[in-house]
């Protein structure tokens, strides 16, 4: 009933199963690592953008619109009208 070929196939089959399990485990690890890196990148990009806006007072993509409406640059307005720029900053950076 036990043929010699049955006995020799069992270790080969278990080695193949463990190798494929190991490859699947590594693939999952790499996938989770890439997702984690993507999440960290998105988080850091958002934080750096908020820090830059808080430091300057106005997002960089709003500065051209401010110049067109106010007739002066944001830095000139900060020096000439600090109360106004503080108010605009509080409106723009409000959650």
N, C-alpha and C. Protein backbone atom coordinates (compact mmCIF):
# COMPACT_ATOMS: atom_id res chain seq x y z
N UNK A 1 0.79 -1.17 0.00
CA UNK A 1 0.00 0.00 0.00
C UNK A 1 0.85 1.26 0.00
N UNK A 2 1.87 1.27 0.81
CA UNK A 2 2.79 2.39 0.76
C UNK A 2 3.82 2.13 -0.31
N UNK A 3 3.72 2.87 -1.34
CA UNK A 3 4.69 2.75 -2.40
C UNK A 3 5.85 3.69 -2.10
N UNK A 4 7.04 3.36 -2.54
CA UNK A 4 8.18 4.24 -2.30
C UNK A 4 7.98 5.63 -2.88
N UNK A 5 7.23 5.75 -3.97
CA UNK A 5 7.02 7.07 -4.56
C UNK A 5 6.14 7.94 -3.67
N UNK A 6 5.20 7.35 -2.91
CA UNK A 6 4.36 8.11 -1.99
C UNK A 6 5.18 8.70 -0.85
N UNK A 7 6.14 7.95 -0.39
CA UNK A 7 6.96 8.39 0.73
C UNK A 7 7.87 9.53 0.32
N UNK A 8 8.43 9.49 -0.88
CA UNK A 8 9.35 10.52 -1.31
C UNK A 8 8.63 11.81 -1.72
N UNK A 9 7.36 11.72 -2.11
CA UNK A 9 6.63 12.90 -2.53
C UNK A 9 6.22 13.78 -1.36
N UNK A 10 6.02 13.23 -0.21
CA UNK A 10 5.54 13.99 0.95
C UNK A 10 6.49 15.12 1.34
N UNK A 11 7.80 14.88 1.51
CA UNK A 11 8.69 16.00 1.87
C UNK A 11 8.79 17.05 0.77
N UNK A 12 8.74 16.63 -0.49
CA UNK A 12 8.82 17.59 -1.59
C UNK A 12 7.60 18.48 -1.58
N UNK A 13 6.43 17.89 -1.36
CA UNK A 13 5.21 18.66 -1.32
C UNK A 13 5.21 19.66 -0.16
N UNK A 14 5.69 19.25 1.02
CA UNK A 14 5.71 20.15 2.17
C UNK A 14 6.74 21.28 1.97
N UNK A 15 7.85 20.98 1.31
CA UNK A 15 8.83 22.02 1.02
C UNK A 15 8.26 23.03 0.05
N UNK A 16 7.54 22.54 -0.95
CA UNK A 16 6.93 23.45 -1.94
C UNK A 16 5.87 24.32 -1.27
N UNK A 17 5.08 23.75 -0.38
CA UNK A 17 4.05 24.50 0.32
C UNK A 17 4.66 25.56 1.22
N UNK A 18 5.70 25.22 1.95
CA UNK A 18 6.33 26.20 2.84
C UNK A 18 7.04 27.29 2.04
N UNK A 19 7.60 26.96 0.89
CA UNK A 19 8.25 27.97 0.05
C UNK A 19 7.23 28.94 -0.52
N UNK A 20 6.09 28.42 -0.97
CA UNK A 20 5.06 29.32 -1.50
C UNK A 20 4.45 30.15 -0.38
N UNK A 21 4.33 29.56 0.81
CA UNK A 21 3.82 30.33 1.96
C UNK A 21 4.80 31.44 2.33
N UNK A 22 6.08 31.16 2.29
CA UNK A 22 7.10 32.17 2.58
C UNK A 22 7.08 33.28 1.54
N UNK A 23 6.93 32.92 0.28
CA UNK A 23 6.86 33.93 -0.79
C UNK A 23 5.63 34.81 -0.62
N UNK A 24 4.49 34.21 -0.27
CA UNK A 24 3.27 34.97 -0.05
C UNK A 24 3.43 35.89 1.16
N UNK A 25 4.08 35.40 2.19
CA UNK A 25 4.31 36.20 3.39
C UNK A 25 5.20 37.41 3.07
N UNK A 26 6.23 37.21 2.28
CA UNK A 26 7.11 38.32 1.89
C UNK A 26 6.36 39.33 1.03
N UNK A 27 5.52 38.84 0.14
CA UNK A 27 4.74 39.73 -0.72
C UNK A 27 3.81 40.60 0.11
N UNK A 28 3.14 39.99 1.07
CA UNK A 28 2.26 40.75 1.96
C UNK A 28 3.04 41.78 2.76
N UNK A 29 4.21 41.39 3.24
CA UNK A 29 5.04 42.32 4.01
C UNK A 29 5.44 43.52 3.16
N UNK A 30 5.85 43.28 1.94
CA UNK A 30 6.25 44.36 1.04
C UNK A 30 5.05 45.26 0.73
N UNK A 31 3.88 44.65 0.51
CA UNK A 31 2.68 45.43 0.22
C UNK A 31 2.32 46.32 1.41
N UNK A 32 2.35 45.77 2.62
CA UNK A 32 2.04 46.58 3.81
C UNK A 32 3.08 47.67 4.03
N UNK A 33 4.33 47.35 3.75
CA UNK A 33 5.38 48.35 3.90
C UNK A 33 5.18 49.51 2.92
N UNK A 34 4.83 49.19 1.69
CA UNK A 34 4.57 50.25 0.70
C UNK A 34 3.36 51.09 1.08
N UNK A 35 2.32 50.46 1.60
CA UNK A 35 1.15 51.21 2.06
C UNK A 35 1.49 52.11 3.24
N UNK A 36 2.32 51.60 4.14
CA UNK A 36 2.76 52.41 5.28
C UNK A 36 3.57 53.61 4.81
N UNK A 37 4.48 53.40 3.87
CA UNK A 37 5.29 54.50 3.34
C UNK A 37 4.42 55.54 2.63
N UNK A 38 3.43 55.08 1.89
CA UNK A 38 2.51 56.00 1.23
C UNK A 38 1.73 56.83 2.25
N UNK A 39 1.26 56.19 3.31
CA UNK A 39 0.55 56.91 4.37
C UNK A 39 1.43 57.94 5.05
N UNK A 40 2.67 57.58 5.33
CA UNK A 40 3.60 58.51 5.96
C UNK A 40 3.89 59.69 5.03
N UNK A 41 4.03 59.41 3.74
CA UNK A 41 4.27 60.47 2.77
C UNK A 41 3.10 61.46 2.73
N UNK A 42 1.89 60.94 2.70
CA UNK A 42 0.71 61.82 2.68
C UNK A 42 0.61 62.63 3.96
N UNK A 43 0.88 62.01 5.09
CA UNK A 43 0.83 62.72 6.37
C UNK A 43 1.88 63.82 6.43
N UNK A 44 3.10 63.50 6.05
CA UNK A 44 4.17 64.50 6.10
C UNK A 44 3.93 65.64 5.11
N UNK A 45 3.43 65.33 3.92
CA UNK A 45 3.15 66.38 2.94
C UNK A 45 2.10 67.34 3.48
N UNK A 46 1.07 66.82 4.11
CA UNK A 46 0.03 67.68 4.68
C UNK A 46 0.58 68.54 5.81
N UNK A 47 1.38 67.93 6.67
CA UNK A 47 1.95 68.69 7.79
C UNK A 47 2.89 69.79 7.31
N UNK A 48 3.74 69.48 6.34
CA UNK A 48 4.66 70.49 5.83
C UNK A 48 3.92 71.63 5.13
N UNK A 49 2.83 71.30 4.45
CA UNK A 49 2.02 72.33 3.81
C UNK A 49 1.38 73.24 4.85
N UNK A 50 0.84 72.66 5.91
CA UNK A 50 0.25 73.47 6.98
C UNK A 50 1.29 74.33 7.68
N UNK A 51 2.48 73.77 7.90
CA UNK A 51 3.55 74.56 8.54
C UNK A 51 3.97 75.73 7.66
N UNK A 52 4.07 75.50 6.36
CA UNK A 52 4.45 76.58 5.45
C UNK A 52 3.38 77.66 5.43
N UNK A 53 2.11 77.26 5.42
CA UNK A 53 1.03 78.25 5.44
C UNK A 53 1.03 79.05 6.74
N UNK A 54 1.27 78.38 7.84
CA UNK A 54 1.29 79.07 9.13
C UNK A 54 2.47 80.03 9.23
N UNK A 55 3.59 79.67 8.66
CA UNK A 55 4.78 80.52 8.73
C UNK A 55 4.62 81.77 7.86
N UNK A 56 4.12 81.58 6.63
CA UNK A 56 3.98 82.70 5.70
C UNK A 56 2.70 83.48 5.97
N UNK A 57 1.63 82.77 6.33
CA UNK A 57 0.37 83.43 6.61
C UNK A 57 -0.66 83.27 5.52
N UNK A 58 -0.22 82.89 4.33
CA UNK A 58 -1.14 82.73 3.21
C UNK A 58 -0.60 81.62 2.32
N UNK A 59 -1.45 80.67 1.91
CA UNK A 59 -0.96 79.61 1.03
C UNK A 59 -0.35 80.19 -0.24
N UNK A 60 0.65 79.52 -0.76
CA UNK A 60 1.37 80.03 -1.93
C UNK A 60 0.47 80.16 -3.16
N UNK A 61 -0.54 79.30 -3.28
CA UNK A 61 -1.41 79.39 -4.44
C UNK A 61 -2.45 80.51 -4.30
N UNK A 62 -2.54 81.16 -3.14
CA UNK A 62 -3.46 82.28 -2.95
C UNK A 62 -2.78 83.64 -3.14
N UNK A 63 -1.46 83.63 -3.20
CA UNK A 63 -0.74 84.90 -3.24
C UNK A 63 -0.98 85.68 -4.52
N UNK A 64 -1.11 85.02 -5.65
CA UNK A 64 -1.42 85.73 -6.90
C UNK A 64 -2.81 86.36 -6.85
N UNK A 65 -3.76 85.64 -6.29
CA UNK A 65 -5.12 86.19 -6.15
C UNK A 65 -5.11 87.39 -5.21
N UNK A 66 -4.34 87.31 -4.13
CA UNK A 66 -4.26 88.44 -3.20
C UNK A 66 -3.64 89.66 -3.89
N UNK A 67 -2.58 89.43 -4.66
CA UNK A 67 -1.93 90.53 -5.36
C UNK A 67 -2.89 91.17 -6.36
N UNK A 68 -3.69 90.36 -7.07
CA UNK A 68 -4.65 90.90 -8.04
C UNK A 68 -5.76 91.69 -7.36
N UNK A 69 -6.21 91.24 -6.22
CA UNK A 69 -7.31 91.92 -5.52
C UNK A 69 -6.84 93.13 -4.71
N UNK A 70 -5.71 92.99 -4.02
CA UNK A 70 -5.26 94.05 -3.12
C UNK A 70 -4.34 95.04 -3.80
N UNK A 71 -3.72 94.64 -4.90
CA UNK A 71 -2.81 95.54 -5.59
C UNK A 71 -1.43 95.61 -4.94
N UNK A 72 -1.14 94.69 -4.05
CA UNK A 72 0.19 94.63 -3.40
C UNK A 72 0.49 93.19 -3.04
N UNK A 73 1.75 92.94 -2.78
CA UNK A 73 2.14 91.57 -2.41
C UNK A 73 1.76 91.31 -0.97
N UNK A 74 1.75 90.04 -0.62
CA UNK A 74 1.39 89.65 0.75
C UNK A 74 2.41 90.18 1.76
N UNK A 75 3.69 90.11 1.42
CA UNK A 75 4.72 90.61 2.35
C UNK A 75 4.60 92.12 2.56
N UNK A 76 4.26 92.87 1.51
CA UNK A 76 4.04 94.32 1.66
C UNK A 76 2.83 94.59 2.54
N UNK A 77 1.78 93.82 2.36
CA UNK A 77 0.58 93.99 3.19
C UNK A 77 0.85 93.64 4.63
N UNK A 78 1.69 92.64 4.87
CA UNK A 78 2.03 92.28 6.25
C UNK A 78 2.76 93.43 6.96
N UNK A 79 3.61 94.13 6.23
CA UNK A 79 4.34 95.25 6.82
C UNK A 79 3.45 96.48 6.99
N UNK A 80 2.60 96.75 6.01
CA UNK A 80 1.78 97.96 6.03
C UNK A 80 0.52 97.81 6.87
N UNK A 81 -0.11 96.66 6.81
CA UNK A 81 -1.40 96.45 7.48
C UNK A 81 -1.38 95.13 8.26
N UNK A 82 -0.67 95.09 9.37
CA UNK A 82 -0.55 93.82 10.09
C UNK A 82 -1.88 93.30 10.64
N UNK A 83 -2.78 94.18 11.04
CA UNK A 83 -4.07 93.72 11.57
C UNK A 83 -4.90 93.05 10.46
N UNK A 84 -4.87 93.63 9.28
CA UNK A 84 -5.62 93.06 8.17
C UNK A 84 -5.06 91.69 7.78
N UNK A 85 -3.75 91.57 7.69
CA UNK A 85 -3.16 90.29 7.29
C UNK A 85 -3.37 89.23 8.38
N UNK A 86 -3.36 89.65 9.63
CA UNK A 86 -3.65 88.71 10.72
C UNK A 86 -5.08 88.18 10.60
N UNK A 87 -6.01 89.06 10.28
CA UNK A 87 -7.40 88.67 10.10
C UNK A 87 -7.55 87.71 8.91
N UNK A 88 -6.89 88.03 7.80
CA UNK A 88 -6.97 87.17 6.62
C UNK A 88 -6.35 85.80 6.92
N UNK A 89 -5.25 85.80 7.64
CA UNK A 89 -4.60 84.54 8.01
C UNK A 89 -5.52 83.71 8.88
N UNK A 90 -6.19 84.33 9.83
CA UNK A 90 -7.10 83.57 10.70
C UNK A 90 -8.28 83.01 9.90
N UNK A 91 -8.73 83.70 8.86
CA UNK A 91 -9.80 83.18 8.02
C UNK A 91 -9.33 82.03 7.14
N UNK A 92 -8.16 82.18 6.58
CA UNK A 92 -7.65 81.18 5.64
C UNK A 92 -7.25 79.89 6.36
N UNK A 93 -6.63 80.00 7.50
CA UNK A 93 -6.13 78.83 8.20
C UNK A 93 -7.14 78.23 9.17
N UNK A 94 -8.36 78.73 9.17
CA UNK A 94 -9.40 78.20 10.03
C UNK A 94 -9.81 76.81 9.56
N UNK A 95 -10.02 75.86 10.50
CA UNK A 95 -10.47 74.52 10.08
C UNK A 95 -11.91 74.50 9.65
